[in-house]
């Protein structure tokens, strides 16, 4: 049985929310750079802040990819079951 099947929907949503919040903390530098770039912009943010957005997305993927989430779920199951 895979770890994704062993978690309830509520547990899985809570883990995803916690993991995303933790990823935002770990990627704080990139969040700040993107926020600074996008401040005062509307439509132009799409091209003006492309590099900052890509850097932020790349950082977030390190912590929220499918593989990373499987690891988080397995760790949760090991601790709580």
C-alpha atoms as a PDB file:
ATOM      1  CA  UNK A   1       0.000   0.000   0.000  1.00  0.00           C
ATOM      2  CA  UNK A   2       1.477   3.390  -0.933  1.00  0.00           C
ATOM      3  CA  UNK A   3       1.743   6.159   1.624  1.00  0.00           C
ATOM      4  CA  UNK A   4      -0.726   8.328  -0.287  1.00  0.00           C
ATOM      5  CA  UNK A   5      -3.444   5.709   0.220  1.00  0.00           C
ATOM      6  CA  UNK A   6      -2.702   5.444   3.942  1.00  0.00           C
ATOM      7  CA  UNK A   7      -3.472   9.113   4.641  1.00  0.00           C
ATOM      8  CA  UNK A   8      -6.931  10.567   4.953  1.00  0.00           C
ATOM      9  CA  UNK A   9      -7.786  13.480   2.687  1.00  0.00           C
ATOM     10  CA  UNK A  10      -7.713  15.788   5.699  1.00  0.00           C
ATOM     11  CA  UNK A  11      -4.256  14.575   6.742  1.00  0.00           C
ATOM     12  CA  UNK A  12      -2.930  14.914   3.208  1.00  0.00           C
ATOM     13  CA  UNK A  13      -4.312  18.464   2.854  1.00  0.00           C
ATOM     14  CA  UNK A  14      -2.846  19.452   6.217  1.00  0.00           C
ATOM     15  CA  UNK A  15       0.577  18.058   5.260  1.00  0.00           C
ATOM     16  CA  UNK A  16       0.489  19.868   1.923  1.00  0.00           C
ATOM     17  CA  UNK A  17      -0.448  23.139   3.621  1.00  0.00           C
ATOM     18  CA  UNK A  18       2.318  22.738   6.227  1.00  0.00           C
ATOM     19  CA  UNK A  19       4.864  21.780   3.579  1.00  0.00           C
ATOM     20  CA  UNK A  20       4.005  24.785   1.407  1.00  0.00           C
ATOM     21  CA  UNK A  21       4.247  27.116   4.406  1.00  0.00           C
ATOM     22  CA  UNK A  22       7.638  25.654   5.319  1.00  0.00           C
ATOM     23  CA  UNK A  23       8.782  25.962   1.677  1.00  0.00           C
ATOM     24  CA  UNK A  24       7.802  29.636   1.651  1.00  0.00           C
ATOM     25  CA  UNK A  25       9.933  30.160   4.769  1.00  0.00           C
ATOM     26  CA  UNK A  26      12.894  28.347   3.214  1.00  0.00           C
ATOM     27  CA  UNK A  27      12.460  30.332  -0.038  1.00  0.00           C
ATOM     28  CA  UNK A  28      11.982  33.650   1.760  1.00  0.00           C
ATOM     29  CA  UNK A  29      14.785  35.359  -0.165  1.00  0.00           C
ATOM     30  CA  UNK A  30      13.097  34.543  -3.483  1.00  0.00           C
ATOM     31  CA  UNK A  31       9.669  35.542  -2.162  1.00  0.00           C
ATOM     32  CA  UNK A  32      11.049  38.937  -1.133  1.00  0.00           C
ATOM     33  CA  UNK A  33      12.792  39.474  -4.472  1.00  0.00           C
ATOM     34  CA  UNK A  34       9.632  38.650  -6.411  1.00  0.00           C
ATOM     35  CA  UNK A  35       7.482  40.814  -4.149  1.00  0.00           C
ATOM     36  CA  UNK A  36       9.893  43.731  -4.507  1.00  0.00           C
ATOM     37  CA  UNK A  37       9.927  43.376  -8.296  1.00  0.00           C
ATOM     38  CA  UNK A  38       6.146  43.079  -8.571  1.00  0.00           C
ATOM     39  CA  UNK A  39       5.389  45.974  -6.247  1.00  0.00           C
ATOM     40  CA  UNK A  40       3.484  48.666  -8.115  1.00  0.00           C
ATOM     41  CA  UNK A  41       3.089  46.559 -11.258  1.00  0.00           C
ATOM     42  CA  UNK A  42       0.019  44.974 -12.775  1.00  0.00           C
ATOM     43  CA  UNK A  43       0.178  43.400 -16.206  1.00  0.00           C
ATOM     44  CA  UNK A  44       3.892  44.091 -16.686  1.00  0.00           C
ATOM     45  CA  UNK A  45       4.776  41.774 -13.784  1.00  0.00           C
ATOM     46  CA  UNK A  46       4.468  38.829 -16.207  1.00  0.00           C
ATOM     47  CA  UNK A  47       7.554  39.841 -18.181  1.00  0.00           C
ATOM     48  CA  UNK A  48       9.345  42.277 -15.882  1.00  0.00           C
ATOM     49  CA  UNK A  49       9.627  39.804 -13.001  1.00  0.00           C
ATOM     50  CA  UNK A  50       9.944  36.604 -14.997  1.00  0.00           C
ATOM     51  CA  UNK A  51      13.407  35.760 -13.630  1.00  0.00           C
ATOM     52  CA  UNK A  52      12.380  36.339 -10.018  1.00  0.00           C
ATOM     53  CA  UNK A  53       9.225  34.278 -10.493  1.00  0.00           C
ATOM     54  CA  UNK A  54      11.177  31.407 -12.054  1.00  0.00           C
ATOM     55  CA  UNK A  55      13.696  31.454  -9.197  1.00  0.00           C
ATOM     56  CA  UNK A  56      10.846  31.369  -6.671  1.00  0.00           C
ATOM     57  CA  UNK A  57       9.109  28.517  -8.504  1.00  0.00           C
ATOM     58  CA  UNK A  58      12.356  26.533  -8.719  1.00  0.00           C
ATOM     59  CA  UNK A  59      12.952  26.954  -4.998  1.00  0.00           C
ATOM     60  CA  UNK A  60       9.382  25.934  -4.119  1.00  0.00           C
ATOM     61  CA  UNK A  61       9.626  22.836  -6.328  1.00  0.00           C
ATOM     62  CA  UNK A  62      12.551  21.578  -4.238  1.00  0.00           C
ATOM     63  CA  UNK A  63      10.236  21.299  -1.238  1.00  0.00           C
ATOM     64  CA  UNK A  64       6.827  20.624  -2.829  1.00  0.00           C
ATOM     65  CA  UNK A  65       7.584  18.275  -5.733  1.00  0.00           C
ATOM     66  CA  UNK A  66       5.832  14.903  -5.856  1.00  0.00           C
ATOM     67  CA  UNK A  67       9.004  13.205  -4.617  1.00  0.00           C
ATOM     68  CA  UNK A  68       9.411  15.649  -1.735  1.00  0.00           C
ATOM     69  CA  UNK A  69       5.754  15.210  -0.767  1.00  0.00           C
ATOM     70  CA  UNK A  70       6.104  11.414  -0.758  1.00  0.00           C
ATOM     71  CA  UNK A  71       9.033  11.803   1.625  1.00  0.00           C
ATOM     72  CA  UNK A  72       7.006  14.115   3.896  1.00  0.00           C
ATOM     73  CA  UNK A  73       4.099  11.655   3.887  1.00  0.00           C
ATOM     74  CA  UNK A  74       6.340   8.696   4.679  1.00  0.00           C
ATOM     75  CA  UNK A  75       7.944  10.621   7.547  1.00  0.00           C
ATOM     76  CA  UNK A  76       4.506  11.577   8.872  1.00  0.00           C
ATOM     77  CA  UNK A  77       3.318   7.987   8.730  1.00  0.00           C
ATOM     78  CA  UNK A  78       6.439   6.732  10.486  1.00  0.00           C
ATOM     79  CA  UNK A  79       5.951   9.217  13.331  1.00  0.00           C
ATOM     80  CA  UNK A  80       2.178   8.943  13.705  1.00  0.00           C
ATOM     81  CA  UNK A  81       1.223   5.378  12.940  1.00  0.00           C
END
